C-alpha atoms as a PDB file:
ATOM      1  CA  VAL A   1     -58.306 -15.746 -87.124  1.00  0.00           C
ATOM      2  CA  GLN A   2     -61.847 -15.742 -86.374  1.00  0.00           C
ATOM      3  CA  LEU A   3     -63.694 -12.666 -85.462  1.00  0.00           C
ATOM      4  CA  GLN A   4     -67.185 -12.901 -83.667  1.00  0.00           C
ATOM      5  CA  ALA A   5     -69.379  -9.541 -83.655  1.00  0.00           C
ATOM      6  CA  PHE A   6     -72.187  -8.808 -81.179  1.00  0.00           C
ATOM      7  CA  GLY A   7     -74.483  -5.808 -80.386  1.00  0.00           C
ATOM      8  CA  GLY A   8     -76.290  -4.844 -83.443  1.00  0.00           C
ATOM      9  CA  GLY A   9     -80.215  -4.408 -83.423  1.00  0.00           C
ATOM     10  CA  LEU A  10     -82.949  -1.941 -83.962  1.00  0.00           C
ATOM     11  CA  VAL A  11     -82.913   1.655 -82.268  1.00  0.00           C
ATOM     12  CA  GLN A  12     -84.552   4.837 -82.897  1.00  0.00           C
ATOM     13  CA  ALA A  13     -82.808   7.750 -84.285  1.00  0.00           C
ATOM     14  CA  GLY A  14     -80.855   9.768 -81.749  1.00  0.00           C
ATOM     15  CA  GLY A  15     -80.408   6.574 -79.921  1.00  0.00           C
ATOM     16  CA  SER A  16     -77.090   4.469 -79.029  1.00  0.00           C
ATOM     17  CA  LEU A  17     -75.750   1.216 -79.848  1.00  0.00           C
ATOM     18  CA  ARG A  18     -72.522  -0.442 -78.825  1.00  0.00           C
ATOM     19  CA  LEU A  19     -70.872  -3.162 -81.098  1.00  0.00           C
ATOM     20  CA  SER A  20     -68.118  -5.574 -79.803  1.00  0.00           C
ATOM     21  CA  CYS A  21     -65.844  -7.947 -81.781  1.00  0.00           C
ATOM     22  CA  ALA A  22     -63.425 -10.445 -80.346  1.00  0.00           C
ATOM     23  CA  ALA A  23     -60.583 -12.139 -82.444  1.00  0.00           C
ATOM     24  CA  SER A  24     -59.761 -15.733 -81.651  1.00  0.00           C
ATOM     25  CA  GLY A  25     -57.328 -18.274 -82.975  1.00  0.00           C
ATOM     26  CA  SER A  26     -53.771 -18.778 -83.114  1.00  0.00           C
ATOM     27  CA  ILE A  27     -52.836 -15.300 -82.787  1.00  0.00           C
ATOM     28  CA  PHE A  28     -49.967 -13.400 -81.287  1.00  0.00           C
ATOM     29  CA  SER A  29     -50.813  -9.926 -81.396  1.00  0.00           C
ATOM     30  CA  ILE A  30     -53.041  -7.954 -83.768  1.00  0.00           C
ATOM     31  CA  ASN A  31     -52.126  -4.276 -84.787  1.00  0.00           C
ATOM     32  CA  LEU A  32     -55.153  -2.945 -86.789  1.00  0.00           C
ATOM     33  CA  MET A  33     -58.668  -3.904 -85.845  1.00  0.00           C
ATOM     34  CA  GLY A  34     -61.825  -2.043 -87.129  1.00  0.00           C
ATOM     35  CA  TRP A  35     -65.276  -1.767 -88.503  1.00  0.00           C
ATOM     36  CA  TYR A  36     -66.711  -1.412 -91.960  1.00  0.00           C
ATOM     37  CA  ARG A  37     -70.330  -1.221 -92.961  1.00  0.00           C
ATOM     38  CA  GLN A  38     -72.476  -2.012 -96.050  1.00  0.00           C
ATOM     39  CA  ALA A  39     -75.835  -0.674 -96.732  1.00  0.00           C
ATOM     40  CA  PRO A  40     -78.300  -2.287 -99.379  1.00  0.00           C
ATOM     41  CA  GLY A  41     -77.107  -1.134-103.076  1.00  0.00           C
ATOM     42  CA  LYS A  42     -73.969   0.837-101.441  1.00  0.00           C
ATOM     43  CA  GLN A  43     -70.091  -0.152-101.393  1.00  0.00           C
ATOM     44  CA  ARG A  44     -68.552  -1.377 -98.139  1.00  0.00           C
ATOM     45  CA  GLU A  45     -67.204   1.826 -96.354  1.00  0.00           C
ATOM     46  CA  LEU A  46     -64.832   2.145 -93.356  1.00  0.00           C
ATOM     47  CA  VAL A  47     -66.589   3.328 -90.230  1.00  0.00           C
ATOM     48  CA  ALA A  48     -63.254   3.173 -87.993  1.00  0.00           C
ATOM     49  CA  ASP A  49     -60.276   1.552 -87.034  1.00  0.00           C
ATOM     50  CA  ILE A  50     -57.742   1.510 -84.448  1.00  0.00           C
ATOM     51  CA  THR A  51     -54.315   0.305 -83.952  1.00  0.00           C
ATOM     52  CA  SER A  52     -52.823  -1.622 -81.073  1.00  0.00           C
ATOM     53  CA  SER A  53     -51.126   1.679 -79.779  1.00  0.00           C
ATOM     54  CA  GLY A  54     -54.464   3.243 -79.894  1.00  0.00           C
ATOM     55  CA  ARG A  55     -54.342   5.376 -82.928  1.00  0.00           C
ATOM     56  CA  THR A  56     -57.833   5.546 -84.494  1.00  0.00           C
ATOM     57  CA  ASN A  57     -59.372   6.625 -87.990  1.00  0.00           C
ATOM     58  CA  TYR A  58     -63.094   7.583 -88.722  1.00  0.00           C
ATOM     59  CA  GLY A  59     -65.133   7.765 -91.635  1.00  0.00           C
ATOM     60  CA  ASP A  60     -66.202  11.406 -92.175  1.00  0.00           C
ATOM     61  CA  SER A  61     -70.023  10.526 -91.698  1.00  0.00           C
ATOM     62  CA  VAL A  62     -69.275   9.226 -88.244  1.00  0.00           C
ATOM     63  CA  LYS A  63     -66.753  11.705 -86.746  1.00  0.00           C
ATOM     64  CA  GLY A  64     -67.956  12.971 -83.341  1.00  0.00           C
ATOM     65  CA  ARG A  65     -70.741  10.323 -83.024  1.00  0.00           C
ATOM     66  CA  PHE A  66     -68.872   7.031 -82.966  1.00  0.00           C
ATOM     67  CA  THR A  67     -65.962   5.909 -80.726  1.00  0.00           C
ATOM     68  CA  ILE A  68     -63.942   3.012 -81.201  1.00  0.00           C
ATOM     69  CA  SER A  69     -61.956   1.467 -78.738  1.00  0.00           C
ATOM     70  CA  ARG A  70     -60.094  -1.889 -77.761  1.00  0.00           C
ATOM     71  CA  ASP A  71     -58.947  -4.313 -75.298  1.00  0.00           C
ATOM     72  CA  ASN A  72     -55.596  -5.622 -76.479  1.00  0.00           C
ATOM     73  CA  ALA A  73     -55.339  -8.300 -73.914  1.00  0.00           C
ATOM     74  CA  LYS A  74     -58.872  -9.829 -74.963  1.00  0.00           C
ATOM     75  CA  ASN A  75     -58.240  -8.970 -78.695  1.00  0.00           C
ATOM     76  CA  THR A  76     -61.520  -7.307 -78.800  1.00  0.00           C
ATOM     77  CA  VAL A  77     -62.533  -4.026 -80.596  1.00  0.00           C
ATOM     78  CA  TYR A  78     -65.691  -1.941 -79.554  1.00  0.00           C
ATOM     79  CA  LEU A  79     -67.797   0.630 -81.296  1.00  0.00           C
ATOM     80  CA  GLN A  80     -69.929   3.116 -79.462  1.00  0.00           C
ATOM     81  CA  MET A  81     -72.374   4.452 -81.786  1.00  0.00           C
ATOM     82  CA  ASN A  82     -74.218   7.580 -80.466  1.00  0.00           C
ATOM     83  CA  SER A  83     -76.621   9.888 -82.079  1.00  0.00           C
ATOM     84  CA  LEU A  84     -77.570   7.254 -84.560  1.00  0.00           C
ATOM     85  CA  ARG A  85     -79.231   8.456 -87.834  1.00  0.00           C
ATOM     86  CA  PRO A  86     -81.381   6.297 -90.193  1.00  0.00           C
ATOM     87  CA  GLU A  87     -78.448   6.482 -92.753  1.00  0.00           C
ATOM     88  CA  ASP A  88     -76.506   4.529 -90.305  1.00  0.00           C
ATOM     89  CA  THR A  89     -78.541   1.489 -91.357  1.00  0.00           C
ATOM     90  CA  ALA A  90     -76.248  -1.244 -92.426  1.00  0.00           C
ATOM     91  CA  ASN A  91     -74.814  -4.411 -91.936  1.00  0.00           C
ATOM     92  CA  TYR A  92     -71.369  -3.830 -89.824  1.00  0.00           C
ATOM     93  CA  TYR A  93     -68.553  -5.827 -90.290  1.00  0.00           C
ATOM     94  CA  CYS A  94     -65.423  -6.434 -87.901  1.00  0.00           C
ATOM     95  CA  ASN A  95     -62.234  -6.347 -89.678  1.00  0.00           C
ATOM     96  CA  THR A  96     -58.553  -7.002 -88.762  1.00  0.00           C
ATOM     97  CA  VAL A  97     -55.176  -7.644 -90.518  1.00  0.00           C
ATOM     98  CA  TYR A  98     -53.118 -10.198 -89.331  1.00  0.00           C
ATOM     99  CA  ALA A  99     -49.784 -11.555 -91.067  1.00  0.00           C
ATOM    100  CA  GLY A 100     -50.499  -9.657 -94.032  1.00  0.00           C
ATOM    101  CA  MET A 101     -54.014 -11.209 -94.458  1.00  0.00           C
ATOM    102  CA  PRO A 102     -57.172  -9.491 -93.883  1.00  0.00           C
ATOM    103  CA  TYR A 103     -60.130 -11.124 -91.853  1.00  0.00           C
ATOM    104  CA  TRP A 104     -63.693 -10.280 -91.822  1.00  0.00           C
ATOM    105  CA  GLY A 105     -66.294 -11.220 -89.270  1.00  0.00           C
ATOM    106  CA  LYS A 106     -69.737 -11.924 -90.253  1.00  0.00           C
ATOM    107  CA  GLY A 107     -72.088  -8.906 -90.331  1.00  0.00           C
ATOM    108  CA  THR A 108     -74.211  -7.603 -87.553  1.00  0.00           C
ATOM    109  CA  GLN A 109     -77.162  -5.715 -88.595  1.00  0.00           C
ATOM    110  CA  VAL A 110     -77.607  -2.148 -87.352  1.00  0.00           C
ATOM    111  CA  THR A 111     -81.160  -0.762 -88.300  1.00  0.00           C
ATOM    112  CA  VAL A 112     -82.096   3.046 -87.067  1.00  0.00           C
ATOM    113  CA  SER A 113     -85.639   4.025 -87.200  1.00  0.00           C
ATOM    114  CA  SER A 114     -86.944   7.373 -88.072  1.00  0.00           C
END
């Protein structure tokens, strides 16, 4: 399973960004897809994840501001990030679990200026 993420960048506080991540490879169906983030000097933390049936789970710091969605036919997950804050600055990683194994994409940097 390969994961490729797009959409990071630099944005001012209060702005929005949309991340996307596509899974490819010899895959039949993927249940859980999600996003994690890691800021310098901090542990990697869950941002949000979503099951193939659409059940979502969010980290407390992003609830009400971020929305995760997916296109099962394309094995693609999206993260709409609104009302961004400087503390959202981090490297964002796409994640999935397939056949019991975790897979990670290369991170995409999100920088929010104050």
